[in-house]
Amino acid sequence: NKPLFIDRDGVLKYALSEIGHERRNGYAWLGNWPQKLLEKESPQWRET
């Protein structure tokens, strides 16, 4: 479950700072995608 960050050379890195500027800024490596699911939707689903 280690977060992965990868440049165009395909080499796995484990920190955002370890990849080059182009990929670091040109891809969404981190986001809040599950937040609403975890805080609202899945509890409502369980309650239902």
All heavy atoms as atom14 arrays in JSON, in Angstrom:
{
  "sequence": "NKPLFIDRDGVLKYALSEIGHERRNGYAWLGNWPQKLLEKESPQWRET",
  "atom14_mask": [
    [1, 1, 1, 1, 1, 1, 1, 1, 0, 0, 0, 0, 0, 0],
    [1, 1, 1, 1, 1, 1, 1, 1, 1, 0, 0, 0, 0, 0],
    [1, 1, 1, 1, 1, 1, 1, 0, 0, 0, 0, 0, 0, 0],
    [1, 1, 1, 1, 1, 1, 1, 1, 0, 0, 0, 0, 0, 0],
    [1, 1, 1, 1, 1, 1, 1, 1, 1, 1, 1, 0, 0, 0],
    [1, 1, 1, 1, 1, 1, 1, 1, 0, 0, 0, 0, 0, 0],
    [1, 1, 1, 1, 1, 1, 1, 1, 0, 0, 0, 0, 0, 0],
    [1, 1, 1, 1, 1, 1, 1, 1, 1, 1, 1, 0, 0, 0],
    [1, 1, 1, 1, 1, 1, 1, 1, 0, 0, 0, 0, 0, 0],
    [1, 1, 1, 1, 0, 0, 0, 0, 0, 0, 0, 0, 0, 0],
    [1, 1, 1, 1, 1, 1, 1, 0, 0, 0, 0, 0, 0, 0],
    [1, 1, 1, 1, 1, 1, 1, 1, 0, 0, 0, 0, 0, 0],
    [1, 1, 1, 1, 1, 1, 1, 1, 1, 0, 0, 0, 0, 0],
    [1, 1, 1, 1, 1, 1, 1, 1, 1, 1, 1, 1, 0, 0],
    [1, 1, 1, 1, 1, 0, 0, 0, 0, 0, 0, 0, 0, 0],
    [1, 1, 1, 1, 1, 1, 1, 1, 0, 0, 0, 0, 0, 0],
    [1, 1, 1, 1, 1, 1, 0, 0, 0, 0, 0, 0, 0, 0],
    [1, 1, 1, 1, 1, 1, 1, 1, 1, 0, 0, 0, 0, 0],
    [1, 1, 1, 1, 1, 1, 1, 1, 0, 0, 0, 0, 0, 0],
    [1, 1, 1, 1, 0, 0, 0, 0, 0, 0, 0, 0, 0, 0],
    [1, 1, 1, 1, 1, 1, 1, 1, 1, 1, 0, 0, 0, 0],
    [1, 1, 1, 1, 1, 1, 1, 1, 1, 0, 0, 0, 0, 0],
    [1, 1, 1, 1, 1, 1, 1, 1, 1, 1, 1, 0, 0, 0],
    [1, 1, 1, 1, 1, 1, 1, 1, 1, 1, 1, 0, 0, 0],
    [1, 1, 1, 1, 1, 1, 1, 1, 0, 0, 0, 0, 0, 0],
    [1, 1, 1, 1, 0, 0, 0, 0, 0, 0, 0, 0, 0, 0],
    [1, 1, 1, 1, 1, 1, 1, 1, 1, 1, 1, 1, 0, 0],
    [1, 1, 1, 1, 1, 0, 0, 0, 0, 0, 0, 0, 0, 0],
    [1, 1, 1, 1, 1, 1, 1, 1, 1, 1, 1, 1, 1, 1],
    [1, 1, 1, 1, 1, 1, 1, 1, 0, 0, 0, 0, 0, 0],
    [1, 1, 1, 1, 0, 0, 0, 0, 0, 0, 0, 0, 0, 0],
    [1, 1, 1, 1, 1, 1, 1, 1, 0, 0, 0, 0, 0, 0],
    [1, 1, 1, 1, 1, 1, 1, 1, 1, 1, 1, 1, 1, 1],
    [1, 1, 1, 1, 1, 1, 1, 0, 0, 0, 0, 0, 0, 0],
    [1, 1, 1, 1, 1, 1, 1, 1, 1, 0, 0, 0, 0, 0],
    [1, 1, 1, 1, 1, 1, 1, 1, 1, 0, 0, 0, 0, 0],
    [1, 1, 1, 1, 1, 1, 1, 1, 0, 0, 0, 0, 0, 0],
    [1, 1, 1, 1, 1, 1, 1, 1, 0, 0, 0, 0, 0, 0],
    [1, 1, 1, 1, 1, 1, 1, 1, 1, 0, 0, 0, 0, 0],
    [1, 1, 1, 1, 1, 1, 1, 1, 1, 0, 0, 0, 0, 0],
    [1, 1, 1, 1, 1, 1, 1, 1, 1, 0, 0, 0, 0, 0],
    [1, 1, 1, 1, 1, 1, 0, 0, 0, 0, 0, 0, 0, 0],
    [1, 1, 1, 1, 1, 1, 1, 0, 0, 0, 0, 0, 0, 0],
    [1, 1, 1, 1, 1, 1, 1, 1, 1, 0, 0, 0, 0, 0],
    [1, 1, 1, 1, 1, 1, 1, 1, 1, 1, 1, 1, 1, 1],
    [1, 1, 1, 1, 1, 1, 1, 1, 1, 1, 1, 0, 0, 0],
    [1, 1, 1, 1, 1, 1, 1, 1, 1, 0, 0, 0, 0, 0],
    [1, 1, 1, 1, 1, 1, 1, 0, 0, 0, 0, 0, 0, 0]
  ],
  "atom14_positions": [
    [[0.81, -1.22, 0.0], [0.0, 0.0, 0.0], [0.84, 1.27, 0.0], [0.36, 2.35, 0.39], [-0.96, 0.02, 1.2], [-2.08, -0.99, 1.05], [-2.44, -1.37, -0.05], [-2.61, -1.45, 2.17], [0.0, 0.0, 0.0], [0.0, 0.0, 0.0], [0.0, 0.0, 0.0], [0.0, 0.0, 0.0], [0.0, 0.0, 0.0], [0.0, 0.0, 0.0]],
    [[2.09, 1.17, -0.47], [2.9, 2.38, -0.6], [2.45, 3.18, -1.81], [2.26, 2.62, -2.89], [4.38, 2.01, -0.76], [5.04, 1.45, 0.48], [6.52, 1.2, 0.21], [7.23, 0.72, 1.46], [8.68, 0.47, 1.21], [0.0, 0.0, 0.0], [0.0, 0.0, 0.0], [0.0, 0.0, 0.0], [0.0, 0.0, 0.0], [0.0, 0.0, 0.0]],
    [[2.26, 4.5, -1.66], [1.94, 5.32, -2.83], [3.07, 5.27, -3.85], [4.26, 5.25, -3.48], [1.8, 6.72, -2.23], [1.46, 6.5, -0.8], [2.22, 5.27, -0.4], [0.0, 0.0, 0.0], [0.0, 0.0, 0.0], [0.0, 0.0, 0.0], [0.0, 0.0, 0.0], [0.0, 0.0, 0.0], [0.0, 0.0, 0.0], [0.0, 0.0, 0.0]],
    [[2.69, 5.23, -5.12], [3.66, 5.12, -6.2], [3.66, 6.38, -7.06], [2.6, 6.94, -7.35], [3.33, 3.91, -7.08], [3.34, 2.54, -6.4], [2.87, 1.48, -7.38], [4.73, 2.21, -5.88], [0.0, 0.0, 0.0], [0.0, 0.0, 0.0], [0.0, 0.0, 0.0], [0.0, 0.0, 0.0], [0.0, 0.0, 0.0], [0.0, 0.0, 0.0]],
    [[4.86, 6.78, -7.46], [5.04, 7.92, -8.35], [6.03, 7.48, -9.42], [7.08, 6.92, -9.1], [5.55, 9.13, -7.58], [4.68, 9.49, -6.4], [4.93, 8.93, -5.15], [3.62, 10.36, -6.53], [4.12, 9.24, -4.05], [2.81, 10.67, -5.45], [3.07, 10.11, -4.21], [0.0, 0.0, 0.0], [0.0, 0.0, 0.0], [0.0, 0.0, 0.0]],
    [[5.73, 7.74, -10.68], [6.52, 7.16, -11.77], [6.75, 8.2, -12.85], [5.82, 8.92, -13.25], [5.79, 5.93, -12.38], [5.35, 4.96, -11.3], [6.69, 5.23, -13.39], [3.91, 5.11, -10.88], [0.0, 0.0, 0.0], [0.0, 0.0, 0.0], [0.0, 0.0, 0.0], [0.0, 0.0, 0.0], [0.0, 0.0, 0.0], [0.0, 0.0, 0.0]],
    [[7.96, 8.25, -13.33], [8.28, 9.09, -14.48], [8.04, 8.31, -15.76], [7.66, 7.14, -15.74], [9.74, 9.57, -14.39], [9.84, 11.08, -14.39], [9.08, 11.71, -15.16], [10.66, 11.63, -13.64], [0.0, 0.0, 0.0], [0.0, 0.0, 0.0], [0.0, 0.0, 0.0], [0.0, 0.0, 0.0], [0.0, 0.0, 0.0], [0.0, 0.0, 0.0]],
    [[8.31, 8.92, -16.89], [8.09, 8.26, -18.18], [9.07, 7.11, -18.43], [8.89, 6.36, -19.39], [8.17, 9.29, -19.3], [7.0, 10.27, -19.28], [7.0, 11.17, -20.48], [5.91, 12.14, -20.41], [4.67, 11.94, -20.83], [4.36, 10.76, -21.37], [3.75, 12.88, -20.75], [0.0, 0.0, 0.0], [0.0, 0.0, 0.0], [0.0, 0.0, 0.0]],
    [[10.08, 6.97, -17.56], [10.99, 5.83, -17.69], [10.44, 4.56, -17.04], [11.03, 3.48, -17.15], [12.36, 6.16, -17.1], [12.31, 6.55, -15.63], [11.22, 6.45, -15.01], [13.35, 6.97, -15.1], [0.0, 0.0, 0.0], [0.0, 0.0, 0.0], [0.0, 0.0, 0.0], [0.0, 0.0, 0.0], [0.0, 0.0, 0.0], [0.0, 0.0, 0.0]],
    [[9.31, 4.67, -16.35], [8.68, 3.51, -15.75], [9.27, 3.05, -14.44], [8.83, 2.03, -13.89], [0.0, 0.0, 0.0], [0.0, 0.0, 0.0], [0.0, 0.0, 0.0], [0.0, 0.0, 0.0], [0.0, 0.0, 0.0], [0.0, 0.0, 0.0], [0.0, 0.0, 0.0], [0.0, 0.0, 0.0], [0.0, 0.0, 0.0], [0.0, 0.0, 0.0]],
    [[10.23, 3.77, -13.88], [10.87, 3.37, -12.63], [10.0, 3.83, -11.45], [9.68, 5.01, -11.33], [12.28, 3.98, -12.51], [12.92, 3.59, -11.17], [13.16, 3.5, -13.68], [0.0, 0.0, 0.0], [0.0, 0.0, 0.0], [0.0, 0.0, 0.0], [0.0, 0.0, 0.0], [0.0, 0.0, 0.0], [0.0, 0.0, 0.0], [0.0, 0.0, 0.0]],
    [[9.66, 2.89, -10.59], [8.8, 3.21, -9.45], [9.54, 4.06, -8.42], [10.68, 3.77, -8.05], [8.31, 1.92, -8.77], [7.51, 0.95, -9.63], [7.08, -0.24, -8.79], [6.3, 1.62, -10.25], [0.0, 0.0, 0.0], [0.0, 0.0, 0.0], [0.0, 0.0, 0.0], [0.0, 0.0, 0.0], [0.0, 0.0, 0.0], [0.0, 0.0, 0.0]],
    [[8.89, 5.11, -7.97], [9.39, 5.94, -6.89], [8.33, 6.01, -5.8], [7.16, 5.71, -6.03], [9.71, 7.35, -7.4], [10.69, 7.4, -8.58], [12.09, 6.98, -8.19], [13.04, 7.15, -9.36], [14.42, 6.74, -9.02], [0.0, 0.0, 0.0], [0.0, 0.0, 0.0], [0.0, 0.0, 0.0], [0.0, 0.0, 0.0], [0.0, 0.0, 0.0]],
    [[8.75, 6.44, -4.62], [7.82, 6.44, -3.49], [7.62, 7.82, -2.89], [7.07, 7.95, -1.79], [8.33, 5.45, -2.43], [8.41, 4.04, -2.98], [9.62, 3.52, -3.43], [7.26, 3.26, -3.1], [9.69, 2.25, -3.97], [7.33, 1.98, -3.63], [8.55, 1.48, -4.07], [8.61, 0.22, -4.61], [0.0, 0.0, 0.0], [0.0, 0.0, 0.0]],
    [[8.03, 8.85, -3.61], [7.8, 10.22, -3.18], [7.61, 11.09, -4.41], [8.26, 10.88, -5.44], [8.99, 10.74, -2.35], [0.0, 0.0, 0.0], [0.0, 0.0, 0.0], [0.0, 0.0, 0.0], [0.0, 0.0, 0.0], [0.0, 0.0, 0.0], [0.0, 0.0, 0.0], [0.0, 0.0, 0.0], [0.0, 0.0, 0.0], [0.0, 0.0, 0.0]],
    [[6.71, 12.06, -4.32], [6.43, 12.94, -5.44], [7.68, 13.7, -5.88], [7.9, 13.94, -7.08], [5.33, 13.93, -5.05], [4.82, 14.88, -6.14], [4.13, 14.09, -7.25], [3.85, 15.9, -5.53], [0.0, 0.0, 0.0], [0.0, 0.0, 0.0], [0.0, 0.0, 0.0], [0.0, 0.0, 0.0], [0.0, 0.0, 0.0], [0.0, 0.0, 0.0]],
    [[8.52, 14.03, -4.94], [9.73, 14.81, -5.24], [10.76, 14.02, -6.03], [11.7, 14.61, -6.59], [10.37, 15.32, -3.94], [10.72, 14.22, -3.11], [0.0, 0.0, 0.0], [0.0, 0.0, 0.0], [0.0, 0.0, 0.0], [0.0, 0.0, 0.0], [0.0, 0.0, 0.0], [0.0, 0.0, 0.0], [0.0, 0.0, 0.0], [0.0, 0.0, 0.0]],
    [[10.61, 12.7, -6.1], [11.61, 11.87, -6.76], [11.39, 11.73, -8.26], [12.22, 11.14, -8.95], [11.63, 10.48, -6.12], [12.11, 10.49, -4.67], [12.1, 9.1, -4.06], [11.66, 8.14, -4.73], [12.53, 8.97, -2.89], [0.0, 0.0, 0.0], [0.0, 0.0, 0.0], [0.0, 0.0, 0.0], [0.0, 0.0, 0.0], [0.0, 0.0, 0.0]],
    [[10.27, 12.24, -8.76], [10.06, 12.18, -10.21], [10.28, 13.57, -10.81], [10.28, 14.58, -10.1], [8.66, 11.65, -10.57], [7.56, 12.55, -10.01], [8.5, 10.23, -10.04], [6.16, 12.15, -10.46], [0.0, 0.0, 0.0], [0.0, 0.0, 0.0], [0.0, 0.0, 0.0], [0.0, 0.0, 0.0], [0.0, 0.0, 0.0], [0.0, 0.0, 0.0]],
    [[10.47, 13.62, -12.12], [10.79, 14.87, -12.79], [9.64, 15.86, -12.81], [8.47, 15.52, -12.59], [0.0, 0.0, 0.0], [0.0, 0.0, 0.0], [0.0, 0.0, 0.0], [0.0, 0.0, 0.0], [0.0, 0.0, 0.0], [0.0, 0.0, 0.0], [0.0, 0.0, 0.0], [0.0, 0.0, 0.0], [0.0, 0.0, 0.0], [0.0, 0.0, 0.0]],
    [[9.98, 17.09, -13.12], [9.01, 18.18, -13.1], [7.84, 17.93, -14.04], [6.69, 18.2, -13.7], [9.72, 19.49, -13.48], [8.81, 20.67, -13.55], [8.13, 21.03, -14.71], [8.45, 21.58, -12.61], [7.42, 22.1, -14.47], [7.58, 22.46, -13.21], [0.0, 0.0, 0.0], [0.0, 0.0, 0.0], [0.0, 0.0, 0.0], [0.0, 0.0, 0.0]],
    [[8.11, 17.39, -15.22], [7.05, 17.22, -16.21], [5.95, 16.29, -15.72], [4.76, 16.63, -15.78], [7.64, 16.69, -17.52], [6.64, 16.62, -18.67], [5.89, 15.31, -18.75], [6.42, 14.28, -18.28], [4.75, 15.3, -19.25], [0.0, 0.0, 0.0], [0.0, 0.0, 0.0], [0.0, 0.0, 0.0], [0.0, 0.0, 0.0], [0.0, 0.0, 0.0]],
    [[6.3, 15.12, -15.2], [5.29, 14.2, -14.7], [4.75, 14.65, -13.34], [3.59, 14.44, -13.04], [5.86, 12.78, -14.59], [5.91, 11.99, -15.86], [4.54, 11.72, -16.47], [4.03, 12.89, -17.2], [2.77, 13.03, -17.62], [1.89, 12.1, -17.36], [2.39, 14.1, -18.28], [0.0, 0.0, 0.0], [0.0, 0.0, 0.0], [0.0, 0.0, 0.0]],
    [[5.6, 15.25, -12.52], [5.15, 15.7, -11.21], [4.0, 16.7, -11.35], [3.06, 16.7, -10.55], [6.32, 16.32, -10.45], [5.97, 16.76, -9.03], [7.2, 17.05, -8.2], [8.0, 18.15, -8.7], [9.22, 18.02, -9.21], [9.8, 16.82, -9.28], [9.9, 19.07, -9.66], [0.0, 0.0, 0.0], [0.0, 0.0, 0.0], [0.0, 0.0, 0.0]],
    [[4.08, 17.54, -12.37], [3.08, 18.58, -12.56], [2.05, 18.25, -13.63], [1.06, 18.96, -13.77], [3.78, 19.9, -12.91], [4.56, 20.46, -11.75], [4.04, 21.21, -10.94], [5.84, 20.08, -11.66], [0.0, 0.0, 0.0], [0.0, 0.0, 0.0], [0.0, 0.0, 0.0], [0.0, 0.0, 0.0], [0.0, 0.0, 0.0], [0.0, 0.0, 0.0]],
    [[2.27, 17.17, -14.37], [1.39, 16.87, -15.49], [0.49, 15.68, -15.27], [-0.09, 15.16, -16.24], [0.0, 0.0, 0.0], [0.0, 0.0, 0.0], [0.0, 0.0, 0.0], [0.0, 0.0, 0.0], [0.0, 0.0, 0.0], [0.0, 0.0, 0.0], [0.0, 0.0, 0.0], [0.0, 0.0, 0.0], [0.0, 0.0, 0.0], [0.0, 0.0, 0.0]],
    [[0.33, 15.25, -14.03], [-0.51, 14.08, -13.75], [-1.06, 14.22, -12.34], [-0.43, 14.82, -11.47], [0.34, 12.81, -13.86], [-0.45, 11.54, -14.05], [-1.0, 11.22, -15.29], [-0.63, 10.64, -13.01], [-1.71, 10.04, -15.48], [-1.33, 9.46, -13.18], [-1.87, 9.16, -14.43], [-2.58, 8.0, -14.62], [0.0, 0.0, 0.0], [0.0, 0.0, 0.0]],
    [[-2.24, 13.69, -12.11], [-2.87, 13.79, -10.78], [-2.46, 12.59, -9.95], [-3.1, 11.54, -9.96], [-4.37, 13.87, -10.9], [0.0, 0.0, 0.0], [0.0, 0.0, 0.0], [0.0, 0.0, 0.0], [0.0, 0.0, 0.0], [0.0, 0.0, 0.0], [0.0, 0.0, 0.0], [0.0, 0.0, 0.0], [0.0, 0.0, 0.0], [0.0, 0.0, 0.0]],
    [[-1.38, 12.73, -9.21], [-0.87, 11.64, -8.38], [-1.62, 11.52, -7.06], [-1.61, 10.46, -6.43], [0.62, 11.85, -8.1], [1.43, 11.89, -9.34], [1.96, 13.0, -9.95], [1.82, 10.77, -10.14], [2.63, 12.63, -11.09], [2.58, 11.27, -11.23], [1.61, 9.4, -10.05], [3.12, 10.44, -12.21], [2.13, 8.57, -11.02], [2.88, 9.09, -12.09]],
    [[-2.23, 12.6, -6.64], [-2.91, 12.65, -5.34], [-4.23, 13.36, -5.5], [-4.35, 14.31, -6.29], [-2.04, 13.38, -4.32], [-0.68, 12.74, -4.01], [0.34, 13.81, -3.63], [-0.82, 11.72, -2.89], [0.0, 0.0, 0.0], [0.0, 0.0, 0.0], [0.0, 0.0, 0.0], [0.0, 0.0, 0.0], [0.0, 0.0, 0.0], [0.0, 0.0, 0.0]],
    [[-5.24, 12.92, -4.76], [-6.54, 13.56, -4.85], [-7.43, 13.17, -3.69], [-7.1, 12.3, -2.89], [0.0, 0.0, 0.0], [0.0, 0.0, 0.0], [0.0, 0.0, 0.0], [0.0, 0.0, 0.0], [0.0, 0.0, 0.0], [0.0, 0.0, 0.0], [0.0, 0.0, 0.0], [0.0, 0.0, 0.0], [0.0, 0.0, 0.0], [0.0, 0.0, 0.0]],
    [[-8.58, 13.83, -3.6], [-9.53, 13.53, -2.52], [-10.7, 12.69, -3.03], [-11.8, 12.74, -2.49], [-10.04, 14.84, -1.91], [-10.72, 15.74, -2.93], [-10.84, 15.4, -4.11], [-11.15, 16.91, -2.49], [0.0, 0.0, 0.0], [0.0, 0.0, 0.0], [0.0, 0.0, 0.0], [0.0, 0.0, 0.0], [0.0, 0.0, 0.0], [0.0, 0.0, 0.0]],
    [[-10.46, 11.86, -4.04], [-11.51, 11.11, -4.73], [-12.43, 10.32, -3.79], [-13.63, 10.34, -3.98], [-10.86, 10.16, -5.76], [-9.91, 10.85, -6.67], [-10.2, 11.81, -7.59], [-8.5, 10.66, -6.73], [-9.06, 12.22, -8.23], [-8.0, 11.53, -7.73], [-7.6, 9.82, -6.06], [-6.65, 11.6, -8.06], [-6.26, 9.89, -6.39], [-5.79, 10.77, -7.38]],
    [[-11.93, 9.61, -2.78], [-12.83, 8.79, -1.96], [-13.52, 9.53, -0.81], [-14.31, 8.92, -0.09], [-11.9, 7.71, -1.37], [-10.59, 7.87, -2.07], [-10.53, 9.28, -2.51], [0.0, 0.0, 0.0], [0.0, 0.0, 0.0], [0.0, 0.0, 0.0], [0.0, 0.0, 0.0], [0.0, 0.0, 0.0], [0.0, 0.0, 0.0], [0.0, 0.0, 0.0]],
    [[-13.24, 10.81, -0.63], [-13.66, 11.48, 0.59], [-15.18, 11.44, 0.79], [-15.68, 11.05, 1.86], [-13.18, 12.94, 0.59], [-13.41, 13.64, 1.92], [-12.66, 14.95, 2.01], [-11.86, 15.3, 1.14], [-12.91, 15.7, 3.06], [0.0, 0.0, 0.0], [0.0, 0.0, 0.0], [0.0, 0.0, 0.0], [0.0, 0.0, 0.0], [0.0, 0.0, 0.0]],
    [[-15.94, 11.82, -0.23], [-17.4, 11.81, -0.09], [-17.93, 10.39, 0.07], [-18.87, 10.15, 0.84], [-18.03, 12.47, -1.32], [-19.54, 12.61, -1.23], [-20.1, 13.32, -2.45], [-21.62, 13.43, -2.37], [-22.19, 14.1, -3.58], [0.0, 0.0, 0.0], [0.0, 0.0, 0.0], [0.0, 0.0, 0.0], [0.0, 0.0, 0.0], [0.0, 0.0, 0.0]],
    [[-17.32, 9.46, -0.63], [-17.73, 8.06, -0.5], [-17.61, 7.57, 0.93], [-18.51, 6.92, 1.46], [-16.88, 7.18, -1.43], [-17.09, 5.68, -1.32], [-18.42, 5.29, -1.95], [-15.94, 4.92, -1.96], [0.0, 0.0, 0.0], [0.0, 0.0, 0.0], [0.0, 0.0, 0.0], [0.0, 0.0, 0.0], [0.0, 0.0, 0.0], [0.0, 0.0, 0.0]],
    [[-16.47, 7.9, 1.56], [-16.22, 7.4, 2.91], [-17.01, 8.17, 3.97], [-17.48, 7.58, 4.95], [-14.72, 7.48, 3.21], [-13.8, 6.64, 2.31], [-12.36, 6.82, 2.73], [-14.2, 5.17, 2.34], [0.0, 0.0, 0.0], [0.0, 0.0, 0.0], [0.0, 0.0, 0.0], [0.0, 0.0, 0.0], [0.0, 0.0, 0.0], [0.0, 0.0, 0.0]],
    [[-17.14, 9.47, 3.78], [-17.78, 10.29, 4.82], [-19.31, 10.23, 4.76], [-19.97, 10.31, 5.8], [-17.33, 11.74, 4.69], [-15.86, 11.95, 5.03], [-15.44, 13.41, 4.88], [-16.28, 14.23, 4.42], [-14.29, 13.72, 5.2], [0.0, 0.0, 0.0], [0.0, 0.0, 0.0], [0.0, 0.0, 0.0], [0.0, 0.0, 0.0], [0.0, 0.0, 0.0]],
    [[-19.89, 10.07, 3.58], [-21.35, 10.15, 3.45], [-21.98, 8.92, 2.8], [-22.92, 8.34, 3.33], [-21.74, 11.41, 2.66], [-21.36, 12.71, 3.33], [-21.82, 13.91, 2.5], [-21.46, 15.23, 3.18], [-21.91, 16.4, 2.36], [0.0, 0.0, 0.0], [0.0, 0.0, 0.0], [0.0, 0.0, 0.0], [0.0, 0.0, 0.0], [0.0, 0.0, 0.0]],
    [[-21.45, 8.54, 1.65], [-22.16, 7.56, 0.82], [-22.13, 6.15, 1.39], [-23.17, 5.48, 1.45], [-21.59, 7.58, -0.6], [-21.83, 8.9, -1.3], [-21.02, 9.05, -2.58], [-20.16, 8.19, -2.85], [-21.27, 10.02, -3.31], [0.0, 0.0, 0.0], [0.0, 0.0, 0.0], [0.0, 0.0, 0.0], [0.0, 0.0, 0.0], [0.0, 0.0, 0.0]],
    [[-20.96, 5.7, 1.82], [-20.92, 4.34, 2.35], [-21.65, 4.22, 3.7], [-22.34, 3.21, 3.93], [-19.47, 3.83, 2.47], [-18.71, 4.63, 3.35], [0.0, 0.0, 0.0], [0.0, 0.0, 0.0], [0.0, 0.0, 0.0], [0.0, 0.0, 0.0], [0.0, 0.0, 0.0], [0.0, 0.0, 0.0], [0.0, 0.0, 0.0], [0.0, 0.0, 0.0]],
    [[-21.58, 5.21, 4.59], [-22.41, 5.1, 5.81], [-23.91, 5.07, 5.49], [-24.67, 4.33, 6.14], [-22.02, 6.36, 6.6], [-20.64, 6.69, 6.15], [-20.62, 6.34, 4.7], [0.0, 0.0, 0.0], [0.0, 0.0, 0.0], [0.0, 0.0, 0.0], [0.0, 0.0, 0.0], [0.0, 0.0, 0.0], [0.0, 0.0, 0.0], [0.0, 0.0, 0.0]],
    [[-24.35, 5.87, 4.52], [-25.75, 5.86, 4.13], [-26.14, 4.51, 3.54], [-27.24, 4.0, 3.8], [-26.02, 6.98, 3.13], [-25.96, 8.37, 3.74], [-26.05, 9.48, 2.7], [-26.04, 9.22, 1.5], [-26.12, 10.71, 3.17], [0.0, 0.0, 0.0], [0.0, 0.0, 0.0], [0.0, 0.0, 0.0], [0.0, 0.0, 0.0], [0.0, 0.0, 0.0]],
    [[-25.25, 3.94, 2.74], [-25.52, 2.63, 2.14], [-25.66, 1.57, 3.23], [-26.58, 0.75, 3.19], [-24.39, 2.28, 1.19], [-24.47, 0.9, 0.61], [-25.25, 0.49, -0.43], [-23.72, -0.24, 1.04], [-25.04, -0.86, -0.66], [-24.12, -1.33, 0.21], [-22.77, -0.47, 2.04], [-23.59, -2.61, 0.36], [-22.24, -1.74, 2.18], [-22.64, -2.8, 1.36]],
    [[-24.77, 1.59, 4.23], [-24.85, 0.63, 5.32], [-26.14, 0.81, 6.11], [-26.81, -0.17, 6.49], [-23.65, 0.8, 6.23], [-22.34, 0.26, 5.66], [-21.17, 0.59, 6.55], [-19.94, 0.01, 6.07], [-18.76, 0.64, 6.09], [-18.68, 1.87, 6.56], [-17.68, 0.05, 5.64], [0.0, 0.0, 0.0], [0.0, 0.0, 0.0], [0.0, 0.0, 0.0]],
    [[-26.51, 2.05, 6.35], [-27.73, 2.31, 7.12], [-28.96, 1.82, 6.36], [-29.87, 1.21, 6.96], [-27.85, 3.81, 7.38], [-29.07, 4.17, 8.22], [-29.15, 5.67, 8.51], [-28.21, 6.41, 8.14], [-30.18, 6.11, 9.06], [0.0, 0.0, 0.0], [0.0, 0.0, 0.0], [0.0, 0.0, 0.0], [0.0, 0.0, 0.0], [0.0, 0.0, 0.0]],
    [[-28.98, 2.02, 5.06], [-30.1, 1.57, 4.25], [-30.2, 0.04, 4.27], [-31.3, -0.53, 4.36], [-29.95, 2.06, 2.81], [-29.93, 3.49, 2.79], [-31.1, 1.57, 1.94], [0.0, 0.0, 0.0], [0.0, 0.0, 0.0], [0.0, 0.0, 0.0], [0.0, 0.0, 0.0], [0.0, 0.0, 0.0], [0.0, 0.0, 0.0], [0.0, 0.0, 0.0]]
  ]
}
